[in-house]
Amino acid sequence: MKYRVTLVESEEGWAIWCDDLPGCCSQGATREEALGNIREAIAEYLAAKTVGLQGDAGVRTVLHEEVLV
C-alpha cells in the first residue's frame, strides 16, 4: 500500500509523519533514514490497529473531536 508522508528538515535532521495515520510519526538524521523509519512505524501502526480491531476489553470508548484554538 502507498501512504503519503510529510517531511520537515531542521537542524537536527528530518521529522516525518504519515498524513493518513494520526499519530504515526518518526524522524531521522537523513531523509533516507527518516523514510526507512516511517516505513517501520507505518507497519507497526497497522499491526497495532489490526490487534485493536480484534477487541480490547479495557477500551470502552474512542472519540475523535475537533477543537478550535
PDB file of N, CA and C in Angstrom:
ATOM      1  N   MET A   1       0.843  -1.179   0.000  1.00  0.00           N
ATOM      2  CA  MET A   1       0.000   0.000   0.000  1.00  0.00           C
ATOM      3  C   MET A   1       0.885   1.238   0.000  1.00  0.00           C
ATOM      4  N   LYS A   2       0.370   2.289  -0.552  1.00  0.00           N
ATOM      5  CA  LYS A   2       1.081   3.556  -0.564  1.00  0.00           C
ATOM      6  C   LYS A   2       0.439   4.516   0.427  1.00  0.00           C
ATOM      7  N   TYR A   3       1.277   5.244   1.145  1.00  0.00           N
ATOM      8  CA  TYR A   3       0.826   6.267   2.078  1.00  0.00           C
ATOM      9  C   TYR A   3       1.599   7.542   1.817  1.00  0.00           C
ATOM     10  N   ARG A   4       0.909   8.663   1.857  1.00  0.00           N
ATOM     11  CA  ARG A   4       1.560   9.961   1.698  1.00  0.00           C
ATOM     12  C   ARG A   4       2.176  10.360   3.029  1.00  0.00           C
ATOM     13  N   VAL A   5       3.429  10.834   2.979  1.00  0.00           N
ATOM     14  CA  VAL A   5       4.111  11.290   4.181  1.00  0.00           C
ATOM     15  C   VAL A   5       4.562  12.735   3.997  1.00  0.00           C
ATOM     16  N   THR A   6       4.766  13.409   5.112  1.00  0.00           N
ATOM     17  CA  THR A   6       5.271  14.781   5.113  1.00  0.00           C
ATOM     18  C   THR A   6       6.628  14.773   5.796  1.00  0.00           C
ATOM     19  N   LEU A   7       7.610  15.391   5.153  1.00  0.00           N
ATOM     20  CA  LEU A   7       8.959  15.504   5.701  1.00  0.00           C
ATOM     21  C   LEU A   7       9.265  16.960   5.991  1.00  0.00           C
ATOM     22  N   VAL A   8       9.891  17.213   7.137  1.00  0.00           N
ATOM     23  CA  VAL A   8      10.291  18.569   7.511  1.00  0.00           C
ATOM     24  C   VAL A   8      11.748  18.509   7.954  1.00  0.00           C
ATOM     25  N   GLU A   9      12.597  19.286   7.266  1.00  0.00           N
ATOM     26  CA  GLU A   9      14.018  19.318   7.615  1.00  0.00           C
ATOM     27  C   GLU A   9      14.285  20.403   8.646  1.00  0.00           C
ATOM     28  N   SER A  10      15.114  20.063   9.636  1.00  0.00           N
ATOM     29  CA  SER A  10      15.538  21.037  10.644  1.00  0.00           C
ATOM     30  C   SER A  10      17.034  20.857  10.886  1.00  0.00           C
ATOM     31  N   GLU A  11      17.558  21.602  11.821  1.00  0.00           N
ATOM     32  CA  GLU A  11      18.977  21.474  12.136  1.00  0.00           C
ATOM     33  C   GLU A  11      19.312  20.103  12.715  1.00  0.00           C
ATOM     34  N   GLU A  12      18.339  19.446  13.367  1.00  0.00           N
ATOM     35  CA  GLU A  12      18.560  18.135  13.976  1.00  0.00           C
ATOM     36  C   GLU A  12      18.406  16.974  13.003  1.00  0.00           C
ATOM     37  N   GLY A  13      17.843  17.206  11.837  1.00  0.00           N
ATOM     38  CA  GLY A  13      17.596  16.135  10.870  1.00  0.00           C
ATOM     39  C   GLY A  13      16.219  16.297  10.248  1.00  0.00           C
ATOM     40  N   TRP A  14      15.538  15.186  10.078  1.00  0.00           N
ATOM     41  CA  TRP A  14      14.242  15.172   9.404  1.00  0.00           C
ATOM     42  C   TRP A  14      13.157  14.630  10.321  1.00  0.00           C
ATOM     43  N   ALA A  15      12.053  15.342  10.399  1.00  0.00           N
ATOM     44  CA  ALA A  15      10.835  14.846  11.047  1.00  0.00           C
ATOM     45  C   ALA A  15       9.929  14.354   9.931  1.00  0.00           C
ATOM     46  N   ILE A  16       9.193  13.296  10.191  1.00  0.00           N
ATOM     47  CA  ILE A  16       8.329  12.726   9.159  1.00  0.00           C
ATOM     48  C   ILE A  16       7.083  12.150   9.803  1.00  0.00           C
ATOM     49  N   TRP A  17       5.947  12.295   9.130  1.00  0.00           N
ATOM     50  CA  TRP A  17       4.708  11.692   9.621  1.00  0.00           C
ATOM     51  C   TRP A  17       3.848  11.272   8.450  1.00  0.00           C
ATOM     52  N   CYS A  18       2.979  10.309   8.734  1.00  0.00           N
ATOM     53  CA  CYS A  18       2.069   9.792   7.723  1.00  0.00           C
ATOM     54  C   CYS A  18       0.772  10.586   7.797  1.00  0.00           C
ATOM     55  N   ASP A  19       0.425  11.234   6.711  1.00  0.00           N
ATOM     56  CA  ASP A  19      -0.746  12.113   6.677  1.00  0.00           C
ATOM     57  C   ASP A  19      -2.060  11.371   6.943  1.00  0.00           C
ATOM     58  N   ASP A  20      -2.118  10.081   6.593  1.00  0.00           N
ATOM     59  CA  ASP A  20      -3.369   9.326   6.713  1.00  0.00           C
ATOM     60  C   ASP A  20      -3.506   8.541   8.013  1.00  0.00           C
ATOM     61  N   LEU A  21      -2.447   8.499   8.831  1.00  0.00           N
ATOM     62  CA  LEU A  21      -2.478   7.699  10.051  1.00  0.00           C
ATOM     63  C   LEU A  21      -2.155   8.601  11.249  1.00  0.00           C
ATOM     64  N   PRO A  22      -3.168   9.079  11.941  1.00  0.00           N
ATOM     65  CA  PRO A  22      -2.956  10.016  13.049  1.00  0.00           C
ATOM     66  C   PRO A  22      -1.990   9.471  14.102  1.00  0.00           C
ATOM     67  N   GLY A  23      -0.997  10.272  14.444  1.00  0.00           N
ATOM     68  CA  GLY A  23      -0.033   9.896  15.463  1.00  0.00           C
ATOM     69  C   GLY A  23       1.111   9.037  14.963  1.00  0.00           C
ATOM     70  N   CYS A  24       1.108   8.685  13.687  1.00  0.00           N
ATOM     71  CA  CYS A  24       2.171   7.853  13.117  1.00  0.00           C
ATOM     72  C   CYS A  24       3.273   8.776  12.614  1.00  0.00           C
ATOM     73  N   CYS A  25       4.360   8.857  13.390  1.00  0.00           N
ATOM     74  CA  CYS A  25       5.436   9.780  13.043  1.00  0.00           C
ATOM     75  C   CYS A  25       6.777   9.183  13.424  1.00  0.00           C
ATOM     76  N   SER A  26       7.832   9.780  12.888  1.00  0.00           N
ATOM     77  CA  SER A  26       9.176   9.329  13.192  1.00  0.00           C
ATOM     78  C   SER A  26      10.141  10.454  12.864  1.00  0.00           C
ATOM     79  N   GLN A  27      11.427  10.112  12.819  1.00  0.00           N
ATOM     80  CA  GLN A  27      12.457  11.086  12.481  1.00  0.00           C
ATOM     81  C   GLN A  27      13.689  10.342  12.010  1.00  0.00           C
ATOM     82  N   GLY A  28      14.654  11.099  11.517  1.00  0.00           N
ATOM     83  CA  GLY A  28      15.913  10.506  11.103  1.00  0.00           C
ATOM     84  C   GLY A  28      16.954  11.584  10.878  1.00  0.00           C
ATOM     85  N   ALA A  29      18.212  11.203  10.963  1.00  0.00           N
ATOM     86  CA  ALA A  29      19.299  12.148  10.745  1.00  0.00           C
ATOM     87  C   ALA A  29      19.366  12.569   9.278  1.00  0.00           C
ATOM     88  N   THR A  30      18.985  11.637   8.389  1.00  0.00           N
ATOM     89  CA  THR A  30      18.954  11.927   6.953  1.00  0.00           C
ATOM     90  C   THR A  30      17.546  11.659   6.430  1.00  0.00           C
ATOM     91  N   ARG A  31      17.292  12.161   5.230  1.00  0.00           N
ATOM     92  CA  ARG A  31      15.987  11.929   4.598  1.00  0.00           C
ATOM     93  C   ARG A  31      15.751  10.431   4.425  1.00  0.00           C
ATOM     94  N   GLU A  32      16.781   9.718   3.963  1.00  0.00           N
ATOM     95  CA  GLU A  32      16.661   8.282   3.731  1.00  0.00           C
ATOM     96  C   GLU A  32      16.382   7.527   5.027  1.00  0.00           C
ATOM     97  N   GLU A  33      17.065   7.916   6.107  1.00  0.00           N
ATOM     98  CA  GLU A  33      16.823   7.271   7.393  1.00  0.00           C
ATOM     99  C   GLU A  33      15.399   7.537   7.864  1.00  0.00           C
ATOM    100  N   ALA A  34      14.925   8.768   7.703  1.00  0.00           N
ATOM    101  CA  ALA A  34      13.562   9.110   8.110  1.00  0.00           C
ATOM    102  C   ALA A  34      12.543   8.289   7.323  1.00  0.00           C
ATOM    103  N   LEU A  35      12.761   8.131   6.025  1.00  0.00           N
ATOM    104  CA  LEU A  35      11.846   7.335   5.201  1.00  0.00           C
ATOM    105  C   LEU A  35      11.837   5.872   5.637  1.00  0.00           C
ATOM    106  N   GLY A  36      13.007   5.324   5.941  1.00  0.00           N
ATOM    107  CA  GLY A  36      13.069   3.954   6.444  1.00  0.00           C
ATOM    108  C   GLY A  36      12.351   3.813   7.775  1.00  0.00           C
ATOM    109  N   ASN A  37      12.538   4.809   8.639  1.00  0.00           N
ATOM    110  CA  ASN A  37      11.902   4.768   9.957  1.00  0.00           C
ATOM    111  C   ASN A  37      10.386   4.875   9.862  1.00  0.00           C
ATOM    112  N   ILE A  38       9.880   5.704   8.926  1.00  0.00           N
ATOM    113  CA  ILE A  38       8.423   5.847   8.822  1.00  0.00           C
ATOM    114  C   ILE A  38       7.807   4.589   8.208  1.00  0.00           C
ATOM    115  N   ARG A  39       8.547   3.919   7.336  1.00  0.00           N
ATOM    116  CA  ARG A  39       8.034   2.646   6.807  1.00  0.00           C
ATOM    117  C   ARG A  39       7.829   1.654   7.953  1.00  0.00           C
ATOM    118  N   GLU A  40       8.803   1.584   8.845  1.00  0.00           N
ATOM    119  CA  GLU A  40       8.691   0.701  10.006  1.00  0.00           C
ATOM    120  C   GLU A  40       7.559   1.157  10.929  1.00  0.00           C
ATOM    121  N   ALA A  41       7.437   2.461  11.137  1.00  0.00           N
ATOM    122  CA  ALA A  41       6.383   2.998  12.007  1.00  0.00           C
ATOM    123  C   ALA A  41       4.998   2.694  11.435  1.00  0.00           C
ATOM    124  N   ILE A  42       4.847   2.823  10.120  1.00  0.00           N
ATOM    125  CA  ILE A  42       3.561   2.528   9.481  1.00  0.00           C
ATOM    126  C   ILE A  42       3.218   1.053   9.650  1.00  0.00           C
ATOM    127  N   ALA A  43       4.189   0.176   9.448  1.00  0.00           N
ATOM    128  CA  ALA A  43       3.943  -1.259   9.606  1.00  0.00           C
ATOM    129  C   ALA A  43       3.509  -1.576  11.039  1.00  0.00           C
ATOM    130  N   GLU A  44       4.185  -0.986  12.018  1.00  0.00           N
ATOM    131  CA  GLU A  44       3.829  -1.209  13.425  1.00  0.00           C
ATOM    132  C   GLU A  44       2.454  -0.626  13.740  1.00  0.00           C
ATOM    133  N   TYR A  45       2.158   0.548  13.195  1.00  0.00           N
ATOM    134  CA  TYR A  45       0.864   1.198  13.402  1.00  0.00           C
ATOM    135  C   TYR A  45      -0.258   0.296  12.884  1.00  0.00           C
ATOM    136  N   LEU A  46      -0.082  -0.213  11.666  1.00  0.00           N
ATOM    137  CA  LEU A  46      -1.107  -1.061  11.066  1.00  0.00           C
ATOM    138  C   LEU A  46      -1.260  -2.371  11.829  1.00  0.00           C
ATOM    139  N   ALA A  47      -0.152  -2.939  12.304  1.00  0.00           N
ATOM    140  CA  ALA A  47      -0.223  -4.168  13.089  1.00  0.00           C
ATOM    141  C   ALA A  47      -0.973  -3.921  14.392  1.00  0.00           C
ATOM    142  N   ALA A  48      -0.704  -2.802  15.042  1.00  0.00           N
ATOM    143  CA  ALA A  48      -1.391  -2.471  16.297  1.00  0.00           C
ATOM    144  C   ALA A  48      -2.869  -2.208  16.048  1.00  0.00           C
ATOM    145  N   LYS A  49      -3.175  -1.578  14.921  1.00  0.00           N
ATOM    146  CA  LYS A  49      -4.575  -1.298  14.592  1.00  0.00           C
ATOM    147  C   LYS A  49      -5.336  -2.596  14.366  1.00  0.00           C
ATOM    148  N   THR A  50      -4.699  -3.571  13.723  1.00  0.00           N
ATOM    149  CA  THR A  50      -5.331  -4.867  13.486  1.00  0.00           C
ATOM    150  C   THR A  50      -5.623  -5.564  14.803  1.00  0.00           C
ATOM    151  N   VAL A  51      -4.693  -5.525  15.731  1.00  0.00           N
ATOM    152  CA  VAL A  51      -4.900  -6.112  17.047  1.00  0.00           C
ATOM    153  C   VAL A  51      -6.041  -5.392  17.756  1.00  0.00           C
ATOM    154  N   GLY A  52      -6.071  -4.063  17.648  1.00  0.00           N
ATOM    155  CA  GLY A  52      -7.124  -3.271  18.274  1.00  0.00           C
ATOM    156  C   GLY A  52      -8.496  -3.585  17.718  1.00  0.00           C
ATOM    157  N   LEU A  53      -8.575  -3.890  16.429  1.00  0.00           N
ATOM    158  CA  LEU A  53      -9.851  -4.214  15.816  1.00  0.00           C
ATOM    159  C   LEU A  53     -10.396  -5.552  16.308  1.00  0.00           C
ATOM    160  N   GLN A  54      -9.507  -6.421  16.793  1.00  0.00           N
ATOM    161  CA  GLN A  54      -9.946  -7.717  17.311  1.00  0.00           C
ATOM    162  C   GLN A  54     -10.587  -7.576  18.680  1.00  0.00           C
ATOM    163  N   GLY A  55     -10.428  -6.416  19.269  1.00  0.00           N
ATOM    164  CA  GLY A  55     -11.099  -6.160  20.542  1.00  0.00           C
ATOM    165  C   GLY A  55     -10.139  -6.045  21.706  1.00  0.00           C
ATOM    166  N   ASP A  56     -10.330  -5.033  22.477  1.00  0.00           N
ATOM    167  CA  ASP A  56      -9.562  -4.817  23.694  1.00  0.00           C
ATOM    168  C   ASP A  56     -10.578  -4.539  24.790  1.00  0.00           C
ATOM    169  N   ALA A  57     -10.714  -5.474  25.709  1.00  0.00           N
ATOM    170  CA  ALA A  57     -11.733  -5.360  26.752  1.00  0.00           C
ATOM    171  C   ALA A  57     -11.545  -4.127  27.609  1.00  0.00           C
ATOM    172  N   GLY A  58     -10.314  -3.590  27.679  1.00  0.00           N
ATOM    173  CA  GLY A  58     -10.060  -2.425  28.512  1.00  0.00           C
ATOM    174  C   GLY A  58     -10.484  -1.118  27.865  1.00  0.00           C
ATOM    175  N   VAL A  59     -10.731  -1.120  26.570  1.00  0.00           N
ATOM    176  CA  VAL A  59     -11.115   0.106  25.871  1.00  0.00           C
ATOM    177  C   VAL A  59     -12.627   0.157  25.759  1.00  0.00           C
ATOM    178  N   ARG A  60     -13.214   1.215  26.314  1.00  0.00           N
ATOM    179  CA  ARG A  60     -14.671   1.349  26.271  1.00  0.00           C
ATOM    180  C   ARG A  60     -15.115   2.285  25.164  1.00  0.00           C
ATOM    181  N   THR A  61     -14.389   3.388  24.976  1.00  0.00           N
ATOM    182  CA  THR A  61     -14.802   4.395  24.007  1.00  0.00           C
ATOM    183  C   THR A  61     -13.586   5.054  23.379  1.00  0.00           C
ATOM    184  N   VAL A  62     -13.656   5.272  22.081  1.00  0.00           N
ATOM    185  CA  VAL A  62     -12.641   6.042  21.368  1.00  0.00           C
ATOM    186  C   VAL A  62     -13.377   7.168  20.654  1.00  0.00           C
ATOM    187  N   LEU A  63     -12.954   8.405  20.889  1.00  0.00           N
ATOM    188  CA  LEU A  63     -13.599   9.561  20.283  1.00  0.00           C
ATOM    189  C   LEU A  63     -12.595  10.376  19.492  1.00  0.00           C
ATOM    190  N   HIS A  64     -13.063  10.969  18.421  1.00  0.00           N
ATOM    191  CA  HIS A  64     -12.276  11.939  17.656  1.00  0.00           C
ATOM    192  C   HIS A  64     -13.101  13.222  17.644  1.00  0.00           C
ATOM    193  N   GLU A  65     -12.495  14.293  18.089  1.00  0.00           N
ATOM    194  CA  GLU A  65     -13.206  15.573  18.131  1.00  0.00           C
ATOM    195  C   GLU A  65     -12.306  16.665  17.584  1.00  0.00           C
ATOM    196  N   GLU A  66     -12.916  17.743  17.149  1.00  0.00           N
ATOM    197  CA  GLU A  66     -12.183  18.913  16.708  1.00  0.00           C
ATOM    198  C   GLU A  66     -12.251  19.973  17.786  1.00  0.00           C
ATOM    199  N   VAL A  67     -11.158  20.697  17.953  1.00  0.00           N
ATOM    200  CA  VAL A  67     -11.145  21.810  18.904  1.00  0.00           C
ATOM    201  C   VAL A  67     -10.707  23.070  18.169  1.00  0.00           C
ATOM    202  N   LEU A  68     -11.240  24.182  18.555  1.00  0.00           N
ATOM    203  CA  LEU A  68     -10.896  25.456  17.972  1.00  0.00           C
ATOM    204  C   LEU A  68      -9.880  26.140  18.863  1.00  0.00           C
ATOM    205  N   VAL A  69      -8.785  26.566  18.271  1.00  0.00           N
ATOM    206  CA  VAL A  69      -7.724  27.226  19.038  1.00  0.00           C
ATOM    207  C   VAL A  69      -7.568  28.648  18.548  1.00  0.00           C
TER     208      VAL A  69
END
